[in-house]
Amino acid sequence: MKFIERCSILCAASVALSASAADANWPQWRGPHFNGSSDEKNLPAKWSKTDNIAWSVDLPGPSAATPILWEDRVFVSSTDVNTKSLQAICLDRKTGKILWQHQTATGMQRDNKSTFASPSPATDGKRVVFFYGNGELVAFDLAGQKLWSRNIQKDYGDFAFLWTFSSTPVLHAGKLYLQVLQRDVPVSGRGRSDAPNDPYLLALDPDTGKTLWREVRPSHAVAESREAFTTPIPYEFNGRKQLLVAGGDDVTGHDLETGKELWRWGTWNPSRIGHWRLVPSPVAGHGIVLACAPKGDPIYAIKADRSGTLDDSAIAWKSDAQRALSSDVPTPAFYKGDFIILGDMRKTLLRVDPQTGKIKWSLDLPGRKKIESSPTVADGKIYFMDFGGDVVVADAEKAAIINTISMGEAGDNEIRSSIAVAHGQLYIRTNKKLFCVGKGA
């Protein structure tokens, strides 16, 4: 065998192994495919706080962040209610033992609705990155050695948000991506007064934390409608690799290497309503980018193959005016060719055809508590959790509830973490505990 041929085979095998490792883990908030789904099999559907539990650990404080998994490590962003600080935590996946824990900053919140520890960590198997709503951005190697840190507010000005800012960083294709879609003027004393409060995207070198590019993302939105708590989502379609960004009354696609805007659609708020802050991140599949208008308004399906400033001809479909298909907070998932949409305003779960918007099935959800976690889909099951810590397991193939399991404790409220799946197990974060569900991994 020729040397070049042998190298090609080895390189291809290395890439395949790397892709396989990523698929088996849950390295980002929305999983290995950036769409809330996983190829995991044999996941549990029945358990309790004591049955079918591999381990559980007490956490130092609440956080809306989702646990992140890579091989035998679990990464958790947290607050510490005793020291009023922010924490980066790594646990052993097999035992739940804390391998390392670092205080990343003091102070844990600025309002009573959320904490600075809402963004989820991200890892590529080489390093893990933690970001917090006070601007702290810290990278560690998997052994817990600090690689670098910086504060985005100190570098680019105070965040101009009415509430506490949250957006999860994304590690992809050798870059670290982060977005700050904020108001153009200070609000309640938050934001810079010495320079414009530009909304922007950042790409950083994950080895050093240095900025590779900063792209200002213009917006014609007004007041709170300029604020987005969304996360940028990588997506490739027809050979075009892009970063999908939603917020400021627009959905945009950006070049991964330069940040340059490839396309923009934003006809959903023509009257410029001023209270349309955006929470659900975009999700894409089969050439369709799904954008959820806020406050119970429709969902829009945008064709992903367009360029430039788009008009309504770019809309593949939108949901009807009865708002049966809508999501104000949870980000939808894409699974086996369909969108899975958790409607938090009407307490419904739906499976939707991406090309037509046809509802394949719809399910009314149990319970009265609010749901703001995003659905996780794998092994034919849909997992999500309400504010009180009740986990719902639904059948992804038909409109049926498989199980409802209480994982919270008395007094728990505003639990927002999504559920991670990896290595045949579920990872469920409540305000006070982290559970590893499923003993057979």
Protein backbone atom coordinates (compact mmCIF):
# COMPACT_ATOMS: atom_id res chain seq x y z
CA MET A 1 0.00 0.00 0.00
CA LYS A 2 1.35 3.41 -0.94
CA PHE A 3 2.19 5.80 1.88
CA ILE A 4 -0.25 8.47 0.64
CA GLU A 5 -3.08 5.92 0.33
CA ARG A 6 -2.36 4.61 3.83
CA CYS A 7 -2.35 8.15 5.26
CA SER A 8 -5.67 8.88 3.56
CA ILE A 9 -7.23 5.78 5.08
CA LEU A 10 -5.87 6.58 8.53
CA CYS A 11 -7.06 10.20 8.32
CA ALA A 12 -10.52 9.09 7.20
CA ALA A 13 -10.65 6.60 10.07
CA SER A 14 -9.60 9.33 12.51
CA VAL A 15 -12.35 11.65 11.28
CA ALA A 16 -14.91 8.83 11.52
CA LEU A 17 -13.84 8.00 15.07
CA SER A 18 -14.02 11.68 16.04
CA ALA A 19 -17.52 12.01 14.58
CA SER A 20 -18.56 8.78 16.31
CA ALA A 21 -17.23 10.07 19.65
CA ALA A 22 -19.16 13.31 19.27
CA ASP A 23 -22.35 11.41 18.42
CA ALA A 24 -22.02 9.25 21.54
CA ASN A 25 -21.64 12.29 23.80
CA TRP A 26 -23.72 15.39 24.55
CA PRO A 27 -21.07 18.08 24.00
CA GLN A 28 -23.28 21.15 23.57
CA TRP A 29 -26.59 22.43 24.92
CA ARG A 30 -28.56 21.05 21.94
CA GLY A 31 -26.54 17.87 21.67
CA PRO A 32 -24.20 16.33 19.11
CA HIS A 33 -26.22 17.47 16.08
CA PHE A 34 -27.16 20.96 17.39
CA ASN A 35 -30.84 20.04 17.10
CA GLY A 36 -31.85 18.48 20.43
CA SER A 37 -31.61 14.88 19.20
CA SER A 38 -29.22 11.98 19.65
CA ASP A 39 -28.67 8.56 18.08
CA GLU A 40 -28.58 6.93 21.54
CA LYS A 41 -30.44 3.62 22.01
CA ASN A 42 -31.88 1.71 24.96
CA LEU A 43 -32.61 4.80 27.05
CA PRO A 44 -34.71 4.43 30.20
CA ALA A 45 -38.40 5.28 30.32
CA LYS A 46 -39.08 4.22 33.90
CA TRP A 47 -37.28 5.32 37.05
CA SER A 48 -37.75 7.25 40.28
CA LYS A 49 -35.46 9.24 42.56
CA THR A 50 -34.19 5.95 43.95
CA ASP A 51 -34.94 3.28 41.32
CA ASN A 52 -32.85 2.87 38.15
CA ILE A 53 -30.48 5.63 39.33
CA ALA A 54 -26.75 5.15 38.72
CA TRP A 55 -25.95 8.05 41.07
CA SER A 56 -27.11 11.44 42.27
CA VAL A 57 -25.15 14.36 43.72
CA ASP A 58 -26.07 17.53 45.57
CA LEU A 59 -25.30 20.76 43.71
CA PRO A 60 -24.25 24.01 45.42
CA GLY A 61 -26.98 26.14 43.84
CA PRO A 62 -29.58 26.48 41.06
CA SER A 63 -28.82 26.96 37.38
CA ALA A 64 -30.74 26.66 34.12
CA ALA A 65 -27.69 25.17 32.39
CA THR A 66 -27.88 21.72 30.85
CA PRO A 67 -25.24 19.12 31.84
CA ILE A 68 -22.63 18.44 29.15
CA LEU A 69 -21.06 15.00 28.57
CA TRP A 70 -17.79 13.87 27.02
CA GLU A 71 -16.67 10.28 27.50
CA ASP A 72 -16.27 9.76 31.27
CA ARG A 73 -16.75 13.39 32.28
CA VAL A 74 -19.85 15.42 33.11
CA PHE A 75 -19.57 19.23 33.10
CA VAL A 76 -22.00 21.40 35.05
CA SER A 77 -22.29 25.17 35.37
CA SER A 78 -23.67 26.23 38.74
CA THR A 79 -24.15 28.89 41.33
CA ASP A 80 -23.13 28.48 44.97
CA VAL A 81 -25.80 29.90 47.30
CA ASN A 82 -23.48 29.84 50.32
CA THR A 83 -20.61 31.82 48.79
CA LYS A 84 -22.79 33.75 46.29
CA SER A 85 -20.45 32.73 43.49
CA LEU A 86 -20.33 31.02 40.10
CA GLN A 87 -18.87 27.54 39.74
CA ALA A 88 -17.49 25.30 36.99
CA ILE A 89 -17.80 21.63 38.00
CA CYS A 90 -16.57 18.36 36.49
CA LEU A 91 -17.82 14.97 37.69
CA ASP A 92 -16.92 11.39 36.95
CA ARG A 93 -19.62 10.00 34.70
CA LYS A 94 -19.49 6.51 36.20
CA THR A 95 -19.63 7.45 39.89
CA GLY A 96 -20.78 11.07 40.18
CA LYS A 97 -17.63 11.93 42.13
CA ILE A 98 -16.50 15.55 41.73
CA LEU A 99 -13.18 15.49 39.86
CA TRP A 100 -12.65 19.24 39.98
CA GLN A 101 -14.52 22.40 40.86
CA HIS A 102 -13.47 26.03 40.30
CA GLN A 103 -14.99 29.31 41.39
CA THR A 104 -15.11 31.45 38.26
CA ALA A 105 -16.56 34.69 39.67
CA THR A 106 -18.30 36.22 42.68
CA GLY A 107 -21.93 37.30 42.53
CA MET A 108 -24.61 34.99 41.16
CA GLN A 109 -27.57 37.09 39.96
CA ARG A 110 -28.95 40.56 39.37
CA ASP A 111 -32.68 39.76 39.40
CA ASN A 112 -34.93 37.12 40.94
CA LYS A 113 -35.90 35.48 37.66
CA SER A 114 -32.59 33.82 36.78
CA THR A 115 -28.91 33.52 37.64
CA PHE A 116 -25.68 34.22 35.77
CA ALA A 117 -25.21 30.43 35.43
CA SER A 118 -27.97 29.93 32.85
CA PRO A 119 -25.71 29.30 29.80
CA SER A 120 -24.62 25.69 29.34
CA PRO A 121 -20.96 24.69 28.99
CA ALA A 122 -19.56 23.41 25.67
CA THR A 123 -16.77 20.95 24.95
CA ASP A 124 -14.98 19.51 21.93
CA GLY A 125 -13.17 16.78 23.85
CA LYS A 126 -10.04 18.90 24.19
CA ARG A 127 -11.30 21.73 26.36
CA VAL A 128 -14.51 22.79 28.05
CA VAL A 129 -15.78 26.38 27.98
CA PHE A 130 -18.03 28.00 30.59
CA PHE A 131 -19.83 31.30 29.95
CA TYR A 132 -21.88 33.31 32.46
CA GLY A 133 -24.40 36.13 32.24
CA ASN A 134 -21.99 38.55 33.91
CA GLY A 135 -19.64 38.21 30.93
CA GLU A 136 -17.13 35.74 32.39
CA LEU A 137 -15.81 33.30 29.78
CA VAL A 138 -13.43 30.59 31.03
CA ALA A 139 -11.80 27.58 29.36
CA PHE A 140 -10.30 24.53 31.09
CA ASP A 141 -8.69 21.40 29.81
CA LEU A 142 -10.50 18.21 30.74
CA ALA A 143 -8.21 17.70 33.73
CA GLY A 144 -9.37 21.04 35.17
CA GLN A 145 -6.32 23.14 34.33
CA LYS A 146 -7.35 26.68 33.46
CA LEU A 147 -6.38 27.56 29.89
CA TRP A 148 -7.58 31.15 29.64
CA SER A 149 -10.31 33.52 30.76
CA ARG A 150 -11.73 36.89 29.75
CA ASN A 151 -14.79 38.99 30.48
CA ILE A 152 -16.87 39.93 27.43
CA GLN A 153 -18.49 42.90 29.21
CA LYS A 154 -15.07 44.32 30.09
CA ASP A 155 -13.88 43.83 26.52
CA TYR A 156 -16.92 45.12 24.62
CA GLY A 157 -19.06 47.04 27.12
CA ASP A 158 -21.82 46.27 29.60
CA PHE A 159 -24.69 44.14 28.29
CA ALA A 160 -27.81 46.23 27.56
CA PHE A 161 -30.55 43.82 28.69
CA LEU A 162 -33.62 44.38 30.85
CA TRP A 163 -33.17 40.93 32.43
CA THR A 164 -30.07 38.81 32.98
CA PHE A 165 -28.35 37.98 29.69
CA SER A 166 -27.98 34.34 28.70
CA SER A 167 -26.64 32.72 25.54
CA THR A 168 -24.73 29.45 25.35
CA PRO A 169 -21.32 29.40 23.61
CA VAL A 170 -20.81 26.96 20.74
CA LEU A 171 -17.63 25.04 19.89
CA HIS A 172 -17.62 24.06 16.23
CA ALA A 173 -15.12 23.56 13.41
CA GLY A 174 -12.18 24.85 15.42
CA LYS A 175 -13.84 28.05 16.61
CA LEU A 176 -15.76 29.24 19.66
CA TYR A 177 -18.89 31.21 18.74
CA LEU A 178 -20.84 33.58 21.00
CA GLN A 179 -23.56 36.13 20.33
CA VAL A 180 -24.69 39.26 22.16
CA LEU A 181 -27.94 40.60 20.67
CA GLN A 182 -28.75 43.54 22.91
CA ARG A 183 -30.48 46.92 23.02
CA ASP A 184 -29.00 49.93 21.24
CA VAL A 185 -29.35 52.13 24.34
CA PRO A 186 -28.88 51.43 28.06
CA VAL A 187 -31.85 50.06 30.01
CA SER A 188 -32.27 50.35 33.79
CA GLY A 189 -28.66 51.47 34.04
CA ARG A 190 -27.37 48.47 32.05
CA GLY A 191 -25.39 49.04 28.86
CA ARG A 192 -22.63 51.36 27.83
CA SER A 193 -23.10 55.12 27.54
CA ASP A 194 -19.64 55.91 26.14
CA ALA A 195 -20.18 54.14 22.80
CA PRO A 196 -22.93 52.41 20.78
CA ASN A 197 -24.48 49.25 22.23
CA ASP A 198 -23.96 47.20 19.09
CA PRO A 199 -25.47 43.73 18.74
CA TYR A 200 -22.66 41.42 17.63
CA LEU A 201 -21.33 37.95 16.96
CA LEU A 202 -17.93 36.75 18.14
CA ALA A 203 -15.63 34.00 16.92
CA LEU A 204 -12.75 33.16 19.27
CA ASP A 205 -9.72 30.91 19.13
CA PRO A 206 -10.57 28.12 21.61
CA ASP A 207 -6.87 27.56 22.33
CA THR A 208 -6.20 31.13 23.48
CA GLY A 209 -9.56 32.91 23.84
CA LYS A 210 -8.43 35.63 21.43
CA THR A 211 -11.01 37.21 19.14
CA LEU A 212 -10.80 35.99 15.54
CA TRP A 213 -13.57 38.26 14.32
CA ARG A 214 -16.37 40.41 15.68
CA GLU A 215 -19.31 41.03 13.37
CA VAL A 216 -21.84 43.74 14.18
CA ARG A 217 -25.34 42.44 13.40
CA PRO A 218 -27.65 45.39 12.62
CA SER A 219 -31.26 45.42 13.77
CA HIS A 220 -34.32 47.58 13.12
CA ALA A 221 -36.12 46.22 16.18
CA VAL A 222 -37.02 48.55 19.03
CA ALA A 223 -36.74 48.39 22.83
CA GLU A 224 -36.98 44.88 24.32
CA SER A 225 -37.48 43.33 20.87
CA ARG A 226 -33.75 43.83 20.32
CA GLU A 227 -32.95 41.46 23.19
CA ALA A 228 -32.32 37.79 22.39
CA PHE A 229 -31.50 34.94 24.75
CA THR A 230 -30.93 32.57 21.85
CA THR A 231 -27.85 30.52 20.95
CA PRO A 232 -26.17 30.49 17.51
CA ILE A 233 -26.66 27.17 15.70
CA PRO A 234 -24.29 25.70 13.05
CA TYR A 235 -26.03 24.22 10.02
CA GLU A 236 -24.91 22.89 6.65
CA PHE A 237 -27.22 22.57 3.66
CA ASN A 238 -26.31 21.96 0.02
CA GLY A 239 -22.64 22.40 0.87
CA ARG A 240 -23.10 25.82 2.48
CA LYS A 241 -21.90 25.96 6.08
CA GLN A 242 -23.43 28.70 8.17
CA LEU A 243 -24.23 29.94 11.64
CA LEU A 244 -27.94 30.53 12.25
CA VAL A 245 -28.82 33.46 14.52
CA ALA A 246 -32.28 34.55 15.71
CA GLY A 247 -33.13 37.81 17.48
CA GLY A 248 -33.79 41.49 16.96
CA ASP A 249 -36.84 40.72 14.78
CA ASP A 250 -34.66 38.80 12.28
CA VAL A 251 -33.21 35.40 11.47
CA THR A 252 -29.83 35.47 9.75
CA GLY A 253 -27.26 33.06 8.35
CA HIS A 254 -23.55 33.87 8.68
CA ASP A 255 -20.35 32.57 7.15
CA LEU A 256 -18.47 30.47 9.71
CA GLU A 257 -15.05 31.78 8.72
CA THR A 258 -15.74 35.51 8.59
CA GLY A 259 -19.09 36.17 10.27
CA LYS A 260 -20.32 37.84 7.07
CA GLU A 261 -24.08 37.84 6.75
CA LEU A 262 -25.25 35.47 4.01
CA TRP A 263 -28.98 36.07 4.29
CA ARG A 264 -31.59 37.77 6.44
CA TRP A 265 -35.31 37.27 6.90
CA GLY A 266 -37.48 39.36 9.21
CA THR A 267 -41.03 40.14 8.15
CA TRP A 268 -42.73 38.74 11.26
CA ASN A 269 -42.92 42.03 13.20
CA PRO A 270 -43.81 44.72 10.64
CA SER A 271 -45.33 47.08 13.23
CA ARG A 272 -42.17 46.81 15.37
CA ILE A 273 -43.81 45.64 18.57
CA GLY A 274 -41.40 46.61 21.34
CA HIS A 275 -41.73 43.67 23.76
CA TRP A 276 -40.77 40.76 21.49
CA ARG A 277 -37.66 39.54 23.32
CA LEU A 278 -36.68 36.22 21.78
CA VAL A 279 -35.80 33.01 23.67
CA PRO A 280 -36.07 29.96 21.34
CA SER A 281 -32.95 29.35 19.26
CA PRO A 282 -33.30 28.42 15.59
CA VAL A 283 -33.38 24.75 14.62
CA ALA A 284 -32.87 23.39 11.12
CA GLY A 285 -33.50 20.23 9.15
CA HIS A 286 -34.22 19.16 5.55
CA GLY A 287 -33.35 22.62 4.24
CA ILE A 288 -35.75 24.42 6.57
CA VAL A 289 -34.83 26.85 9.35
CA LEU A 290 -37.49 27.04 12.04
CA ALA A 291 -38.00 30.38 13.79
CA CYS A 292 -40.44 30.72 16.70
CA ALA A 293 -42.01 34.15 17.07
CA PRO A 294 -42.48 35.06 20.75
CA LYS A 295 -45.50 35.54 23.00
CA GLY A 296 -47.68 32.86 21.38
CA ASP A 297 -47.26 34.11 17.83
CA PRO A 298 -46.69 31.78 14.84
CA ILE A 299 -43.75 29.60 13.93
CA TYR A 300 -42.10 30.34 10.58
CA ALA A 301 -40.28 27.87 8.33
CA ILE A 302 -37.63 29.63 6.24
CA LYS A 303 -35.93 28.08 3.20
CA ALA A 304 -32.23 27.64 3.98
CA ASP A 305 -30.92 27.92 0.41
CA ARG A 306 -31.54 31.66 -0.09
CA SER A 307 -29.15 34.64 -0.10
CA GLY A 308 -29.44 38.35 0.60
CA THR A 309 -32.39 40.16 2.15
CA LEU A 310 -35.39 37.84 1.91
CA ASP A 311 -39.08 38.60 1.48
CA ASP A 312 -42.03 36.35 2.22
CA SER A 313 -41.24 34.14 -0.76
CA ALA A 314 -38.60 32.57 1.49
CA ILE A 315 -41.30 31.29 3.87
CA ALA A 316 -42.00 27.60 3.25
CA TRP A 317 -44.92 27.75 5.68
CA LYS A 318 -46.08 29.36 8.91
CA SER A 319 -48.40 28.10 11.61
CA ASP A 320 -52.01 29.24 11.76
CA ALA A 321 -53.44 32.14 13.68
CA GLN A 322 -55.03 29.89 16.31
CA ARG A 323 -51.57 29.48 17.86
CA ALA A 324 -51.84 25.72 18.28
CA LEU A 325 -48.31 25.58 16.91
CA SER A 326 -46.20 28.08 18.84
CA SER A 327 -43.30 28.23 21.29
CA ASP A 328 -42.37 31.18 23.46
CA VAL A 329 -39.39 29.67 25.34
CA PRO A 330 -38.48 26.03 24.48
CA THR A 331 -36.31 25.49 21.40
CA PRO A 332 -37.77 22.79 19.11
CA ALA A 333 -35.88 19.62 18.18
CA PHE A 334 -35.35 17.88 14.84
CA TYR A 335 -35.63 14.10 14.90
CA LYS A 336 -35.88 11.50 12.12
CA GLY A 337 -36.94 14.01 9.51
CA ASP A 338 -39.48 15.98 11.58
CA PHE A 339 -39.60 18.89 13.98
CA ILE A 340 -40.64 18.19 17.58
CA ILE A 341 -42.21 21.34 19.01
CA LEU A 342 -43.02 21.88 22.68
CA GLY A 343 -45.72 24.53 22.89
CA ASP A 344 -45.33 26.07 26.32
CA MET A 345 -48.16 28.60 25.92
CA ARG A 346 -50.86 25.98 25.23
CA LYS A 347 -49.12 22.97 26.90
CA THR A 348 -48.94 20.89 23.73
CA LEU A 349 -46.34 18.62 22.13
CA LEU A 350 -46.36 18.26 18.36
CA ARG A 351 -44.54 16.43 15.57
CA VAL A 352 -44.45 18.49 12.39
CA ASP A 353 -43.44 17.86 8.78
CA PRO A 354 -40.60 20.30 7.93
CA GLN A 355 -41.60 20.88 4.30
CA THR A 356 -45.33 21.53 4.74
CA GLY A 357 -45.92 22.34 8.41
CA LYS A 358 -48.47 19.51 8.57
CA ILE A 359 -49.03 18.38 12.17
CA LYS A 360 -48.47 14.60 12.22
CA TRP A 361 -49.64 14.33 15.80
CA SER A 362 -50.49 16.61 18.72
CA LEU A 363 -50.55 15.80 22.41
CA ASP A 364 -51.96 17.77 25.33
CA LEU A 365 -49.50 17.79 28.23
CA PRO A 366 -50.21 16.93 31.87
CA GLY A 367 -49.67 19.20 34.84
CA ARG A 368 -50.19 22.88 35.47
CA LYS A 369 -46.63 24.06 35.99
CA LYS A 370 -44.83 26.10 33.37
CA ILE A 371 -42.38 24.41 31.01
CA GLU A 372 -39.29 26.24 29.77
CA SER A 373 -36.86 23.35 29.21
CA SER A 374 -36.30 22.34 25.60
CA PRO A 375 -37.23 18.84 24.39
CA THR A 376 -34.55 16.17 24.04
CA VAL A 377 -35.34 13.36 21.57
CA ALA A 378 -33.64 9.97 21.27
CA ASP A 379 -34.49 6.27 21.08
CA GLY A 380 -38.07 7.04 20.07
CA LYS A 381 -38.65 9.05 23.24
CA ILE A 382 -39.08 12.75 24.02
CA TYR A 383 -37.83 14.03 27.38
CA PHE A 384 -38.49 17.39 29.05
CA MET A 385 -39.06 18.81 32.53
CA ASP A 386 -41.41 21.40 34.04
CA PHE A 387 -40.67 24.13 36.62
CA GLY A 388 -41.29 21.78 39.54
CA GLY A 389 -38.99 19.03 38.30
CA ASP A 390 -41.59 16.67 36.84
CA VAL A 391 -40.03 14.85 33.88
CA VAL A 392 -42.34 13.86 31.02
CA VAL A 393 -41.39 10.94 28.78
CA ALA A 394 -43.43 10.96 25.57
CA ASP A 395 -43.53 8.62 22.59
CA ALA A 396 -41.86 10.26 19.58
CA GLU A 397 -43.80 8.11 17.09
CA LYS A 398 -47.33 8.72 18.34
CA ALA A 399 -49.29 11.03 20.62
CA ALA A 400 -48.80 9.26 23.92
CA ILE A 401 -47.31 9.91 27.34
CA ILE A 402 -45.09 7.02 28.41
CA ASN A 403 -44.37 8.26 31.92
CA THR A 404 -44.33 11.27 34.23
CA ILE A 405 -41.72 11.17 36.99
CA SER A 406 -41.19 13.64 39.84
CA MET A 407 -37.51 14.52 40.25
CA GLY A 408 -37.87 17.81 42.11
CA GLU A 409 -38.12 18.53 45.81
CA ALA A 410 -40.60 20.46 47.93
CA GLY A 411 -40.40 24.14 47.09
CA ASP A 412 -38.61 23.65 43.76
CA ASN A 413 -39.62 26.17 41.12
CA GLU A 414 -38.34 27.62 37.85
CA ILE A 415 -36.31 24.54 36.89
CA ARG A 416 -35.31 25.21 33.30
CA SER A 417 -32.50 22.78 32.51
CA SER A 418 -32.92 20.51 29.50
CA ILE A 419 -32.14 16.80 29.78
CA ALA A 420 -28.91 15.41 28.33
CA VAL A 421 -28.54 11.86 26.99
CA ALA A 422 -25.30 9.94 26.49
CA HIS A 423 -23.87 6.44 26.94
CA GLY A 424 -27.28 4.90 27.52
CA GLN A 425 -28.16 7.23 30.39
CA LEU A 426 -30.11 10.43 31.12
CA TYR A 427 -28.64 13.40 33.00
CA ILE A 428 -31.26 15.46 34.82
CA ARG A 429 -30.46 18.68 36.65
CA THR A 430 -32.90 20.10 39.17
CA ASN A 431 -32.28 23.14 41.35
CA LYS A 432 -30.48 21.09 43.98
CA LYS A 433 -29.36 17.80 42.43
CA LEU A 434 -27.88 16.13 39.38
CA PHE A 435 -29.20 12.64 38.60
CA CYS A 436 -27.67 10.02 36.35
CA VAL A 437 -30.56 7.80 35.29
CA GLY A 438 -30.05 4.27 33.98
CA LYS A 439 -27.71 1.71 35.49
CA GLY A 440 -26.92 -0.29 32.38
CA ALA A 441 -24.41 1.99 30.69
